[in-house]
Amino acid sequence: MAFVDSAKVNLSLNIFARIWLKSQDAETVDQFVDAIQDMPEVVECQLMAGDCDFFLRIVVADLDVYRKFQIHHLNKISGLQNVKTEIPLQKIKQTTELPLG
């Protein structure tokens, strides 16, 4: 497995987005999941229990690129009710290692 230095390919901004759908029925959820699969900017998508329906990690070059992505792609997904964007200030820890004991 190879890891790419995101800064060297001008994709150094990680954005986290909490997603709420208009409904949690299978058709609405499936439409959202299918749409996200075709968006390379979305590098992680988690179906959530709790307050929001989905939690996304989106990788882009800068805030302007993210805003355009949100307007022209994310907000166009059928059944989307609300997006709350979280912008991290500093990466404290990121690992791919599992705590195998």
C-alpha atoms as a PDB file:
ATOM      1  CA  MET A   1       0.000   0.000   0.000  1.00  0.00           C
ATOM      2  CA  ALA A   2       1.347   3.441  -0.927  1.00  0.00           C
ATOM      3  CA  PHE A   3       0.538   6.700   0.811  1.00  0.00           C
ATOM      4  CA  VAL A   4       0.438   9.978  -1.085  1.00  0.00           C
ATOM      5  CA  ASP A   5       1.554  13.203   0.582  1.00  0.00           C
ATOM      6  CA  SER A   6      -1.604  15.281   0.139  1.00  0.00           C
ATOM      7  CA  ALA A   7       0.296  18.583   0.262  1.00  0.00           C
ATOM      8  CA  LYS A   8       2.462  17.511  -2.686  1.00  0.00           C
ATOM      9  CA  VAL A   9      -0.620  16.951  -4.853  1.00  0.00           C
ATOM     10  CA  ASN A  10      -2.344  20.170  -3.704  1.00  0.00           C
ATOM     11  CA  LEU A  11      -5.035  18.390  -1.670  1.00  0.00           C
ATOM     12  CA  SER A  12      -4.028  19.393   1.831  1.00  0.00           C
ATOM     13  CA  LEU A  13      -7.389  20.531   3.236  1.00  0.00           C
ATOM     14  CA  ASN A  14      -9.522  17.959   5.038  1.00  0.00           C
ATOM     15  CA  ILE A  15     -13.114  19.033   5.588  1.00  0.00           C
ATOM     16  CA  PHE A  16     -15.586  17.141   7.740  1.00  0.00           C
ATOM     17  CA  ALA A  17     -19.261  17.410   6.857  1.00  0.00           C
ATOM     18  CA  ARG A  18     -22.225  16.265   8.890  1.00  0.00           C
ATOM     19  CA  ILE A  19     -25.160  15.374   6.650  1.00  0.00           C
ATOM     20  CA  TRP A  20     -28.871  15.278   7.405  1.00  0.00           C
ATOM     21  CA  LEU A  21     -31.315  13.738   4.951  1.00  0.00           C
ATOM     22  CA  LYS A  22     -34.972  14.692   4.531  1.00  0.00           C
ATOM     23  CA  SER A  23     -35.913  11.087   5.310  1.00  0.00           C
ATOM     24  CA  GLN A  24     -34.136   7.921   6.424  1.00  0.00           C
ATOM     25  CA  ASP A  25     -36.119   5.593   4.159  1.00  0.00           C
ATOM     26  CA  ALA A  26     -34.142   3.119   2.061  1.00  0.00           C
ATOM     27  CA  GLU A  27     -34.639   4.989  -1.225  1.00  0.00           C
ATOM     28  CA  THR A  28     -33.337   8.325   0.148  1.00  0.00           C
ATOM     29  CA  VAL A  29     -30.358   6.679   1.876  1.00  0.00           C
ATOM     30  CA  ASP A  30     -29.503   4.641  -1.229  1.00  0.00           C
ATOM     31  CA  GLN A  31     -29.678   7.743  -3.457  1.00  0.00           C
ATOM     32  CA  PHE A  32     -27.259   9.550  -1.154  1.00  0.00           C
ATOM     33  CA  VAL A  33     -24.858   6.591  -0.966  1.00  0.00           C
ATOM     34  CA  ASP A  34     -24.902   6.169  -4.745  1.00  0.00           C
ATOM     35  CA  ALA A  35     -24.205   9.886  -5.308  1.00  0.00           C
ATOM     36  CA  ILE A  36     -21.292   9.920  -2.857  1.00  0.00           C
ATOM     37  CA  GLN A  37     -19.642   6.963  -4.635  1.00  0.00           C
ATOM     38  CA  ASP A  38     -19.140   9.165  -7.720  1.00  0.00           C
ATOM     39  CA  MET A  39     -17.438  12.012  -5.814  1.00  0.00           C
ATOM     40  CA  PRO A  40     -13.669  11.446  -5.527  1.00  0.00           C
ATOM     41  CA  GLU A  41     -13.392  14.389  -3.101  1.00  0.00           C
ATOM     42  CA  VAL A  42     -15.286  12.295  -0.540  1.00  0.00           C
ATOM     43  CA  VAL A  43     -12.630   9.946   0.790  1.00  0.00           C
ATOM     44  CA  GLU A  44     -14.640   8.641   3.735  1.00  0.00           C
ATOM     45  CA  CYS A  45     -18.366   8.278   4.380  1.00  0.00           C
ATOM     46  CA  GLN A  46     -19.854   6.903   7.584  1.00  0.00           C
ATOM     47  CA  LEU A  47     -23.545   6.133   8.204  1.00  0.00           C
ATOM     48  CA  MET A  48     -24.178   7.479  11.688  1.00  0.00           C
ATOM     49  CA  ALA A  49     -26.399   6.711  14.648  1.00  0.00           C
ATOM     50  CA  GLY A  50     -27.200   9.841  16.607  1.00  0.00           C
ATOM     51  CA  ASP A  51     -27.686  13.442  15.565  1.00  0.00           C
ATOM     52  CA  CYS A  52     -26.700  13.409  11.875  1.00  0.00           C
ATOM     53  CA  ASP A  53     -27.286  10.761   9.215  1.00  0.00           C
ATOM     54  CA  PHE A  54     -23.824  10.688   7.594  1.00  0.00           C
ATOM     55  CA  PHE A  55     -20.338  11.929   8.419  1.00  0.00           C
ATOM     56  CA  LEU A  56     -18.008  12.683   5.500  1.00  0.00           C
ATOM     57  CA  ARG A  57     -14.322  13.416   5.164  1.00  0.00           C
ATOM     58  CA  ILE A  58     -13.697  15.498   2.079  1.00  0.00           C
ATOM     59  CA  VAL A  59     -10.245  16.307   0.687  1.00  0.00           C
ATOM     60  CA  VAL A  60      -9.726  19.425  -1.432  1.00  0.00           C
ATOM     61  CA  ALA A  61      -7.090  22.040  -2.202  1.00  0.00           C
ATOM     62  CA  ASP A  62      -8.645  24.960  -0.313  1.00  0.00           C
ATOM     63  CA  LEU A  63     -11.868  26.468   1.025  1.00  0.00           C
ATOM     64  CA  ASP A  64     -12.835  27.983  -2.319  1.00  0.00           C
ATOM     65  CA  VAL A  65     -12.652  24.560  -3.974  1.00  0.00           C
ATOM     66  CA  TYR A  66     -14.682  23.043  -1.125  1.00  0.00           C
ATOM     67  CA  ARG A  67     -17.378  25.719  -1.389  1.00  0.00           C
ATOM     68  CA  LYS A  68     -17.725  25.078  -5.123  1.00  0.00           C
ATOM     69  CA  PHE A  69     -17.864  21.328  -4.467  1.00  0.00           C
ATOM     70  CA  GLN A  70     -20.590  21.826  -1.850  1.00  0.00           C
ATOM     71  CA  ILE A  71     -22.672  24.096  -4.081  1.00  0.00           C
ATOM     72  CA  HIS A  72     -22.301  22.218  -7.364  1.00  0.00           C
ATOM     73  CA  HIS A  73     -22.176  18.601  -6.167  1.00  0.00           C
ATOM     74  CA  LEU A  74     -22.992  17.904  -2.527  1.00  0.00           C
ATOM     75  CA  ASN A  75     -26.029  20.185  -2.267  1.00  0.00           C
ATOM     76  CA  LYS A  76     -27.465  18.746  -5.492  1.00  0.00           C
ATOM     77  CA  ILE A  77     -27.968  15.269  -4.021  1.00  0.00           C
ATOM     78  CA  SER A  78     -31.644  14.357  -3.950  1.00  0.00           C
ATOM     79  CA  GLY A  79     -33.040  14.048  -0.438  1.00  0.00           C
ATOM     80  CA  LEU A  80     -30.352  16.180   1.200  1.00  0.00           C
ATOM     81  CA  GLN A  81     -31.748  18.401   3.942  1.00  0.00           C
ATOM     82  CA  ASN A  82     -28.736  20.004   5.608  1.00  0.00           C
ATOM     83  CA  VAL A  83     -24.920  20.097   5.567  1.00  0.00           C
ATOM     84  CA  LYS A  84     -22.842  21.310   8.500  1.00  0.00           C
ATOM     85  CA  THR A  85     -19.202  21.828   7.605  1.00  0.00           C
ATOM     86  CA  GLU A  86     -16.462  21.361  10.197  1.00  0.00           C
ATOM     87  CA  ILE A  87     -13.006  22.779   9.458  1.00  0.00           C
ATOM     88  CA  PRO A  88     -10.151  21.341  11.535  1.00  0.00           C
ATOM     89  CA  LEU A  89      -7.523  23.761  12.784  1.00  0.00           C
ATOM     90  CA  GLN A  90      -4.739  21.246  13.421  1.00  0.00           C
ATOM     91  CA  LYS A  91      -4.219  17.536  12.797  1.00  0.00           C
ATOM     92  CA  ILE A  92      -3.214  16.016  16.127  1.00  0.00           C
ATOM     93  CA  LYS A  93      -3.190  12.322  15.243  1.00  0.00           C
ATOM     94  CA  GLN A  94      -3.896  10.212  12.195  1.00  0.00           C
ATOM     95  CA  THR A  95      -2.921   6.598  11.824  1.00  0.00           C
ATOM     96  CA  THR A  96      -3.816   3.510   9.836  1.00  0.00           C
ATOM     97  CA  GLU A  97      -2.589   1.174  12.588  1.00  0.00           C
ATOM     98  CA  LEU A  98      -5.148  -0.964  14.404  1.00  0.00           C
ATOM     99  CA  PRO A  99      -4.888  -1.522  18.185  1.00  0.00           C
ATOM    100  CA  LEU A 100      -4.290  -5.259  17.981  1.00  0.00           C
ATOM    101  CA  GLY A 101      -2.990  -5.399  21.527  1.00  0.00           C
END
